[in-house]
Amino acid sequence: MKILGIIPARGGSKGVPGKNIKMLGGKPLIWYTFEMANQSHVFSDIILSTEDEEIANVGRSLGISVPSLRPKELADDQARSIDVVLHCLREQLNFGFTYDAVILLQPTSPFRDPMLIENALQIYKERAADSLVSVRKVPSHFNPHWLFESDEQHMLQVATGDSEIISRRQDLPDAYYRDGQLYITAADVLMHQQSFYGRRLTYILNDSEGSAINIDTMEDWHKAEQYILNNKIEY
């Protein structure tokens, strides 16, 4: 199976200026995602998608392929991830490369385990899925069966549409939320349905401590720095 890894890294981050190439533990942020992807040994190719020449140059210095710069309109605040991935896939096709699936690896999640990538791909193949996302369990007090919506009369109803609320925590079904660590999607689903999910969406449960860190703000950045110190991570 031929797998394309895409690391999206646009410039112009507002929450953490220069985030994608900002030094974390002595390495540019994008390095962590590239290194973990390399260690997983599942990719035919790994490319960096950016519109920013400085990010592209840092990526190249780290050994990441940057086949071309992404169009500026795919790097503003309104740009959709699906359009970025489709651009990469079509560009690779123009270069003569075809793939069975794409794995999207966002650099804002720097501490994913290579085994997460390997195990996720195995699950994706075994379940004959269109796509897979990494997820974490929703805490019981945020379970959708314990959430309410207000109607036009300001009366509350269970958000899931249940006629009665589930009273015991033990009876709540598991619920999950995407953690942003990885997305796997069949290339033909991306191209023909223009969707990350398709009709058969499966998941891998991810409960590692480091994977809970997703960098969007300076507070998140400080958590990442502390995680490196606390776990004595050296690269």
C-alpha atoms as a PDB file:
ATOM      1  CA  MET A   1       0.000   0.000   0.000  1.00  0.00           C
ATOM      2  CA  LYS A   2       1.406   3.363  -1.054  1.00  0.00           C
ATOM      3  CA  ILE A   3       0.923   6.036   1.609  1.00  0.00           C
ATOM      4  CA  LEU A   4       1.474   9.769   1.269  1.00  0.00           C
ATOM      5  CA  GLY A   5       2.191  11.685   4.473  1.00  0.00           C
ATOM      6  CA  ILE A   6       1.283  15.371   4.437  1.00  0.00           C
ATOM      7  CA  ILE A   7       2.546  17.836   7.044  1.00  0.00           C
ATOM      8  CA  PRO A   8       0.600  21.114   6.667  1.00  0.00           C
ATOM      9  CA  ALA A   9       2.510  24.144   7.951  1.00  0.00           C
ATOM     10  CA  ARG A  10       1.312  27.546   6.839  1.00  0.00           C
ATOM     11  CA  GLY A  11       2.862  30.808   7.948  1.00  0.00           C
ATOM     12  CA  GLY A  12       1.030  33.562   9.769  1.00  0.00           C
ATOM     13  CA  SER A  13       0.134  31.786  12.993  1.00  0.00           C
ATOM     14  CA  LYS A  14      -1.527  34.221  15.392  1.00  0.00           C
ATOM     15  CA  GLY A  15      -1.719  32.176  18.597  1.00  0.00           C
ATOM     16  CA  VAL A  16       1.993  31.332  18.527  1.00  0.00           C
ATOM     17  CA  PRO A  17       3.878  33.584  16.081  1.00  0.00           C
ATOM     18  CA  GLY A  18       6.173  31.603  13.786  1.00  0.00           C
ATOM     19  CA  LYS A  19       4.864  28.443  15.398  1.00  0.00           C
ATOM     20  CA  ASN A  20       5.733  25.845  12.779  1.00  0.00           C
ATOM     21  CA  ILE A  21       9.455  26.642  12.789  1.00  0.00           C
ATOM     22  CA  LYS A  22       9.705  27.987  16.346  1.00  0.00           C
ATOM     23  CA  MET A  23      12.341  26.098  18.331  1.00  0.00           C
ATOM     24  CA  LEU A  24      10.920  23.574  20.809  1.00  0.00           C
ATOM     25  CA  GLY A  25      13.470  21.661  22.842  1.00  0.00           C
ATOM     26  CA  GLY A  26      16.164  22.726  20.376  1.00  0.00           C
ATOM     27  CA  LYS A  27      14.269  21.606  17.253  1.00  0.00           C
ATOM     28  CA  PRO A  28      11.824  23.388  14.919  1.00  0.00           C
ATOM     29  CA  LEU A  29       8.263  22.300  15.674  1.00  0.00           C
ATOM     30  CA  ILE A  30       7.790  20.622  12.280  1.00  0.00           C
ATOM     31  CA  TRP A  31      10.796  18.392  12.969  1.00  0.00           C
ATOM     32  CA  TYR A  32       8.917  16.389  15.608  1.00  0.00           C
ATOM     33  CA  THR A  33       6.150  15.340  13.265  1.00  0.00           C
ATOM     34  CA  PHE A  34       8.591  14.507  10.461  1.00  0.00           C
ATOM     35  CA  GLU A  35      10.828  12.490  12.785  1.00  0.00           C
ATOM     36  CA  MET A  36       7.943  10.441  14.201  1.00  0.00           C
ATOM     37  CA  ALA A  37       6.580   9.850  10.705  1.00  0.00           C
ATOM     38  CA  ASN A  38       9.981   8.619   9.532  1.00  0.00           C
ATOM     39  CA  GLN A  39      10.276   6.266  12.480  1.00  0.00           C
ATOM     40  CA  SER A  40       6.927   4.663  11.653  1.00  0.00           C
ATOM     41  CA  HIS A  41       8.253   3.310   8.319  1.00  0.00           C
ATOM     42  CA  VAL A  42       4.808   3.310   6.672  1.00  0.00           C
ATOM     43  CA  PHE A  43       5.179   6.140   4.152  1.00  0.00           C
ATOM     44  CA  SER A  44       6.094   6.019   0.493  1.00  0.00           C
ATOM     45  CA  ASP A  45       6.577   9.802   0.586  1.00  0.00           C
ATOM     46  CA  ILE A  46       6.298  12.555   3.202  1.00  0.00           C
ATOM     47  CA  ILE A  47       5.824  16.125   2.019  1.00  0.00           C
ATOM     48  CA  LEU A  48       5.553  19.515   3.658  1.00  0.00           C
ATOM     49  CA  SER A  49       2.731  21.764   2.460  1.00  0.00           C
ATOM     50  CA  THR A  50       3.373  25.472   2.989  1.00  0.00           C
ATOM     51  CA  GLU A  51       3.041  28.778   1.197  1.00  0.00           C
ATOM     52  CA  ASP A  52       5.886  30.258   3.233  1.00  0.00           C
ATOM     53  CA  GLU A  53       9.388  30.195   1.732  1.00  0.00           C
ATOM     54  CA  GLU A  54      11.084  30.375   5.142  1.00  0.00           C
ATOM     55  CA  ILE A  55       9.115  27.359   6.418  1.00  0.00           C
ATOM     56  CA  ALA A  56       9.879  25.550   3.158  1.00  0.00           C
ATOM     57  CA  ASN A  57      13.612  26.217   3.550  1.00  0.00           C
ATOM     58  CA  VAL A  58      13.620  25.003   7.155  1.00  0.00           C
ATOM     59  CA  GLY A  59      11.725  21.909   6.051  1.00  0.00           C
ATOM     60  CA  ARG A  60      14.213  21.184   3.284  1.00  0.00           C
ATOM     61  CA  SER A  61      17.110  21.627   5.731  1.00  0.00           C
ATOM     62  CA  LEU A  62      15.510  18.929   7.877  1.00  0.00           C
ATOM     63  CA  GLY A  63      15.204  16.584   4.913  1.00  0.00           C
ATOM     64  CA  ILE A  64      11.482  17.091   4.296  1.00  0.00           C
ATOM     65  CA  SER A  65      10.380  17.134   0.678  1.00  0.00           C
ATOM     66  CA  VAL A  66       8.707  20.384  -0.449  1.00  0.00           C
ATOM     67  CA  PRO A  67       7.662  19.669  -4.059  1.00  0.00           C
ATOM     68  CA  SER A  68       6.087  23.109  -4.521  1.00  0.00           C
ATOM     69  CA  LEU A  69       4.711  26.006  -2.528  1.00  0.00           C
ATOM     70  CA  ARG A  70       0.994  25.968  -1.830  1.00  0.00           C
ATOM     71  CA  PRO A  71      -1.111  28.809  -3.325  1.00  0.00           C
ATOM     72  CA  LYS A  72      -1.594  31.791  -1.007  1.00  0.00           C
ATOM     73  CA  GLU A  73      -5.391  31.310  -1.024  1.00  0.00           C
ATOM     74  CA  LEU A  74      -4.874  27.917   0.614  1.00  0.00           C
ATOM     75  CA  ALA A  75      -3.001  29.489   3.519  1.00  0.00           C
ATOM     76  CA  ASP A  76      -5.394  32.098   4.885  1.00  0.00           C
ATOM     77  CA  ASP A  77      -7.723  31.716   7.869  1.00  0.00           C
ATOM     78  CA  GLN A  78     -10.580  30.559   5.640  1.00  0.00           C
ATOM     79  CA  ALA A  79      -8.617  27.806   3.897  1.00  0.00           C
ATOM     80  CA  ARG A  80      -9.943  24.287   4.440  1.00  0.00           C
ATOM     81  CA  SER A  81      -7.677  21.365   5.284  1.00  0.00           C
ATOM     82  CA  ILE A  82      -9.398  19.224   2.660  1.00  0.00           C
ATOM     83  CA  ASP A  83      -8.442  21.707  -0.065  1.00  0.00           C
ATOM     84  CA  VAL A  84      -4.831  21.730   1.115  1.00  0.00           C
ATOM     85  CA  VAL A  85      -4.681  17.928   0.976  1.00  0.00           C
ATOM     86  CA  LEU A  86      -6.348  17.821  -2.446  1.00  0.00           C
ATOM     87  CA  HIS A  87      -3.821  20.331  -3.741  1.00  0.00           C
ATOM     88  CA  CYS A  88      -0.943  18.123  -2.527  1.00  0.00           C
ATOM     89  CA  LEU A  89      -2.492  14.978  -3.960  1.00  0.00           C
ATOM     90  CA  ARG A  90      -3.108  16.569  -7.370  1.00  0.00           C
ATOM     91  CA  GLU A  91       0.390  18.047  -7.464  1.00  0.00           C
ATOM     92  CA  GLN A  92       1.894  14.641  -6.715  1.00  0.00           C
ATOM     93  CA  LEU A  93      -0.275  13.117  -9.438  1.00  0.00           C
ATOM     94  CA  ASN A  94       1.086  15.729 -11.870  1.00  0.00           C
ATOM     95  CA  PHE A  95       4.587  14.631 -10.874  1.00  0.00           C
ATOM     96  CA  GLY A  96       3.634  11.023 -11.682  1.00  0.00           C
ATOM     97  CA  PHE A  97       3.088   9.745  -8.120  1.00  0.00           C
ATOM     98  CA  THR A  98      -0.072   7.869  -7.101  1.00  0.00           C
ATOM     99  CA  TYR A  99      -1.145   6.677  -3.657  1.00  0.00           C
ATOM    100  CA  ASP A 100      -3.667   4.392  -2.010  1.00  0.00           C
ATOM    101  CA  ALA A 101      -4.157   6.595   1.040  1.00  0.00           C
ATOM    102  CA  VAL A 102      -3.089   9.855   2.627  1.00  0.00           C
ATOM    103  CA  ILE A 103      -2.163  10.415   6.269  1.00  0.00           C
ATOM    104  CA  LEU A 104      -2.508  13.997   7.459  1.00  0.00           C
ATOM    105  CA  LEU A 105      -0.085  14.820  10.285  1.00  0.00           C
ATOM    106  CA  GLN A 106      -0.557  18.240  11.835  1.00  0.00           C
ATOM    107  CA  PRO A 107       2.660  19.632  13.362  1.00  0.00           C
ATOM    108  CA  THR A 108       0.698  21.158  16.246  1.00  0.00           C
ATOM    109  CA  SER A 109       0.662  17.635  17.743  1.00  0.00           C
ATOM    110  CA  PRO A 110       4.409  17.067  18.155  1.00  0.00           C
ATOM    111  CA  PHE A 111       4.465  14.096  20.522  1.00  0.00           C
ATOM    112  CA  ARG A 112       2.613  11.382  18.595  1.00  0.00           C
ATOM    113  CA  ASP A 113       4.137   7.929  18.916  1.00  0.00           C
ATOM    114  CA  PRO A 114       5.364   6.233  15.709  1.00  0.00           C
ATOM    115  CA  MET A 115       3.506   3.130  16.882  1.00  0.00           C
ATOM    116  CA  LEU A 116       0.280   5.137  16.817  1.00  0.00           C
ATOM    117  CA  ILE A 117       0.797   5.691  13.104  1.00  0.00           C
ATOM    118  CA  GLU A 118       1.676   2.038  12.452  1.00  0.00           C
ATOM    119  CA  ASN A 119      -1.229   0.695  14.515  1.00  0.00           C
ATOM    120  CA  ALA A 120      -3.676   3.165  12.979  1.00  0.00           C
ATOM    121  CA  LEU A 121      -2.759   2.080   9.466  1.00  0.00           C
ATOM    122  CA  GLN A 122      -3.133  -1.588  10.444  1.00  0.00           C
ATOM    123  CA  ILE A 123      -6.613  -0.930  11.854  1.00  0.00           C
ATOM    124  CA  TYR A 124      -7.549   1.074   8.769  1.00  0.00           C
ATOM    125  CA  LYS A 125      -6.607  -1.846   6.529  1.00  0.00           C
ATOM    126  CA  GLU A 126      -8.142  -4.583   8.697  1.00  0.00           C
ATOM    127  CA  ARG A 127     -11.500  -2.802   8.922  1.00  0.00           C
ATOM    128  CA  ALA A 128     -11.537  -1.976   5.195  1.00  0.00           C
ATOM    129  CA  ALA A 129     -12.417   1.595   6.155  1.00  0.00           C
ATOM    130  CA  ASP A 130     -12.636   4.671   3.962  1.00  0.00           C
ATOM    131  CA  SER A 131     -10.930   6.656   6.678  1.00  0.00           C
ATOM    132  CA  LEU A 132      -9.632   6.629  10.238  1.00  0.00           C
ATOM    133  CA  VAL A 133      -9.194   9.325  12.884  1.00  0.00           C
ATOM    134  CA  SER A 134      -7.363   9.202  16.185  1.00  0.00           C
ATOM    135  CA  VAL A 135      -9.651   9.866  19.130  1.00  0.00           C
ATOM    136  CA  ARG A 136      -9.739  10.225  22.890  1.00  0.00           C
ATOM    137  CA  LYS A 137     -12.615   9.362  25.207  1.00  0.00           C
ATOM    138  CA  VAL A 138     -15.017  12.136  26.171  1.00  0.00           C
ATOM    139  CA  PRO A 139     -15.157  12.483  29.987  1.00  0.00           C
ATOM    140  CA  SER A 140     -18.478  11.195  31.309  1.00  0.00           C
ATOM    141  CA  HIS A 141     -19.657  14.643  32.467  1.00  0.00           C
ATOM    142  CA  PHE A 142     -19.338  15.840  28.863  1.00  0.00           C
ATOM    143  CA  ASN A 143     -20.915  12.745  27.343  1.00  0.00           C
ATOM    144  CA  PRO A 144     -23.499  13.835  24.711  1.00  0.00           C
ATOM    145  CA  HIS A 145     -26.154  11.787  26.516  1.00  0.00           C
ATOM    146  CA  TRP A 146     -25.705  14.144  29.483  1.00  0.00           C
ATOM    147  CA  LEU A 147     -25.748  17.335  27.423  1.00  0.00           C
ATOM    148  CA  PHE A 148     -28.778  19.518  26.749  1.00  0.00           C
ATOM    149  CA  GLU A 149     -30.031  21.804  24.012  1.00  0.00           C
ATOM    150  CA  SER A 150     -32.552  24.580  24.439  1.00  0.00           C
ATOM    151  CA  ASP A 151     -35.658  24.749  22.267  1.00  0.00           C
ATOM    152  CA  GLU A 152     -37.518  27.905  21.186  1.00  0.00           C
ATOM    153  CA  GLN A 153     -39.443  27.931  24.486  1.00  0.00           C
ATOM    154  CA  HIS A 154     -36.169  27.743  26.428  1.00  0.00           C
ATOM    155  CA  MET A 155     -36.952  24.221  27.541  1.00  0.00           C
ATOM    156  CA  LEU A 156     -34.058  21.781  27.745  1.00  0.00           C
ATOM    157  CA  GLN A 157     -33.923  18.510  25.870  1.00  0.00           C
ATOM    158  CA  VAL A 158     -31.213  15.859  25.737  1.00  0.00           C
ATOM    159  CA  ALA A 159     -28.816  16.743  22.941  1.00  0.00           C
ATOM    160  CA  THR A 160     -28.853  13.194  21.538  1.00  0.00           C
ATOM    161  CA  GLY A 161     -32.636  13.280  21.133  1.00  0.00           C
ATOM    162  CA  ASP A 162     -33.224  10.675  23.849  1.00  0.00           C
ATOM    163  CA  SER A 163     -36.630  10.990  25.507  1.00  0.00           C
ATOM    164  CA  GLU A 164     -35.082  10.369  28.951  1.00  0.00           C
ATOM    165  CA  ILE A 165     -31.658  11.124  30.333  1.00  0.00           C
ATOM    166  CA  ILE A 166     -29.430   8.173  31.240  1.00  0.00           C
ATOM    167  CA  SER A 167     -29.249   8.357  35.008  1.00  0.00           C
ATOM    168  CA  ARG A 168     -26.207   6.222  35.797  1.00  0.00           C
ATOM    169  CA  ARG A 169     -22.698   7.012  34.612  1.00  0.00           C
ATOM    170  CA  GLN A 170     -22.024   3.296  34.217  1.00  0.00           C
ATOM    171  CA  ASP A 171     -24.758   3.068  31.588  1.00  0.00           C
ATOM    172  CA  LEU A 172     -23.371   5.803  29.368  1.00  0.00           C
ATOM    173  CA  PRO A 173     -22.042   4.553  26.013  1.00  0.00           C
ATOM    174  CA  ASP A 174     -18.482   5.558  25.230  1.00  0.00           C
ATOM    175  CA  ALA A 175     -18.170   8.759  23.246  1.00  0.00           C
ATOM    176  CA  TYR A 176     -15.055  10.043  21.494  1.00  0.00           C
ATOM    177  CA  TYR A 177     -13.591  13.276  20.171  1.00  0.00           C
ATOM    178  CA  ARG A 178     -10.939  13.791  17.499  1.00  0.00           C
ATOM    179  CA  ASP A 179      -7.556  14.606  19.014  1.00  0.00           C
ATOM    180  CA  GLY A 180      -5.903  15.866  15.832  1.00  0.00           C
ATOM    181  CA  GLN A 181      -3.021  13.367  15.919  1.00  0.00           C
ATOM    182  CA  LEU A 182      -3.722  11.838  12.542  1.00  0.00           C
ATOM    183  CA  TYR A 183      -6.264  11.365   9.777  1.00  0.00           C
ATOM    184  CA  ILE A 184      -6.046   8.502   7.288  1.00  0.00           C
ATOM    185  CA  THR A 185      -8.181   8.684   4.155  1.00  0.00           C
ATOM    186  CA  ALA A 186      -8.298   6.621   0.981  1.00  0.00           C
ATOM    187  CA  ALA A 187      -6.979   8.646  -1.947  1.00  0.00           C
ATOM    188  CA  ASP A 188     -10.045   7.922  -4.075  1.00  0.00           C
ATOM    189  CA  VAL A 189     -12.350   9.138  -1.284  1.00  0.00           C
ATOM    190  CA  LEU A 190     -10.404  12.378  -1.129  1.00  0.00           C
ATOM    191  CA  MET A 191     -10.437  12.858  -4.878  1.00  0.00           C
ATOM    192  CA  HIS A 192     -14.009  11.808  -5.660  1.00  0.00           C
ATOM    193  CA  GLN A 193     -15.924  12.692  -2.493  1.00  0.00           C
ATOM    194  CA  GLN A 194     -13.690  15.578  -1.384  1.00  0.00           C
ATOM    195  CA  SER A 195     -14.082  14.347   2.182  1.00  0.00           C
ATOM    196  CA  PHE A 196     -11.737  13.173   4.926  1.00  0.00           C
ATOM    197  CA  TYR A 197     -14.307  10.637   6.126  1.00  0.00           C
ATOM    198  CA  GLY A 198     -16.146   8.838   3.339  1.00  0.00           C
ATOM    199  CA  ARG A 199     -18.889   6.419   4.378  1.00  0.00           C
ATOM    200  CA  ARG A 200     -16.847   4.047   6.522  1.00  0.00           C
ATOM    201  CA  LEU A 201     -15.085   6.038   9.238  1.00  0.00           C
ATOM    202  CA  THR A 202     -13.213   4.122  11.924  1.00  0.00           C
ATOM    203  CA  TYR A 203     -10.876   5.158  14.748  1.00  0.00           C
ATOM    204  CA  ILE A 204      -7.894   4.394  16.907  1.00  0.00           C
ATOM    205  CA  LEU A 205      -8.136   5.174  20.616  1.00  0.00           C
ATOM    206  CA  ASN A 206      -5.207   7.292  21.738  1.00  0.00           C
ATOM    207  CA  ASP A 207      -4.639   7.819  25.459  1.00  0.00           C
ATOM    208  CA  SER A 208      -0.946   8.724  25.723  1.00  0.00           C
ATOM    209  CA  GLU A 209      -0.076  11.783  27.826  1.00  0.00           C
ATOM    210  CA  GLY A 210       2.034  13.523  25.204  1.00  0.00           C
ATOM    211  CA  SER A 211      -0.610  13.113  22.545  1.00  0.00           C
ATOM    212  CA  ALA A 212      -2.971  15.260  24.591  1.00  0.00           C
ATOM    213  CA  ILE A 213      -0.826  18.315  23.791  1.00  0.00           C
ATOM    214  CA  ASN A 214      -2.077  20.261  20.778  1.00  0.00           C
ATOM    215  CA  ILE A 215      -0.340  23.592  20.271  1.00  0.00           C
ATOM    216  CA  ASP A 216      -2.607  26.504  19.388  1.00  0.00           C
ATOM    217  CA  THR A 217      -1.698  29.058  22.065  1.00  0.00           C
ATOM    218  CA  MET A 218       1.369  30.131  24.044  1.00  0.00           C
ATOM    219  CA  GLU A 219      -0.083  28.286  27.022  1.00  0.00           C
ATOM    220  CA  ASP A 220      -0.051  25.104  24.931  1.00  0.00           C
ATOM    221  CA  TRP A 221       3.529  25.880  23.895  1.00  0.00           C
ATOM    222  CA  HIS A 222       4.619  26.134  27.515  1.00  0.00           C
ATOM    223  CA  LYS A 223       2.911  22.805  28.235  1.00  0.00           C
ATOM    224  CA  ALA A 224       4.931  21.247  25.430  1.00  0.00           C
ATOM    225  CA  GLU A 225       8.171  22.683  26.827  1.00  0.00           C
ATOM    226  CA  GLN A 226       7.280  21.373  30.274  1.00  0.00           C
ATOM    227  CA  TYR A 227       6.436  17.958  28.865  1.00  0.00           C
ATOM    228  CA  ILE A 228       9.909  17.714  27.339  1.00  0.00           C
ATOM    229  CA  LEU A 229      11.519  18.721  30.647  1.00  0.00           C
ATOM    230  CA  ASN A 230       9.354  16.421  32.780  1.00  0.00           C
ATOM    231  CA  ASN A 231       9.978  13.417  30.561  1.00  0.00           C
ATOM    232  CA  LYS A 232      13.646  14.263  30.045  1.00  0.00           C
ATOM    233  CA  ILE A 233      13.210  13.918  26.286  1.00  0.00           C
ATOM    234  CA  GLU A 234      16.416  14.402  24.337  1.00  0.00           C
ATOM    235  CA  TYR A 235      16.765  14.354  20.564  1.00  0.00           C
END
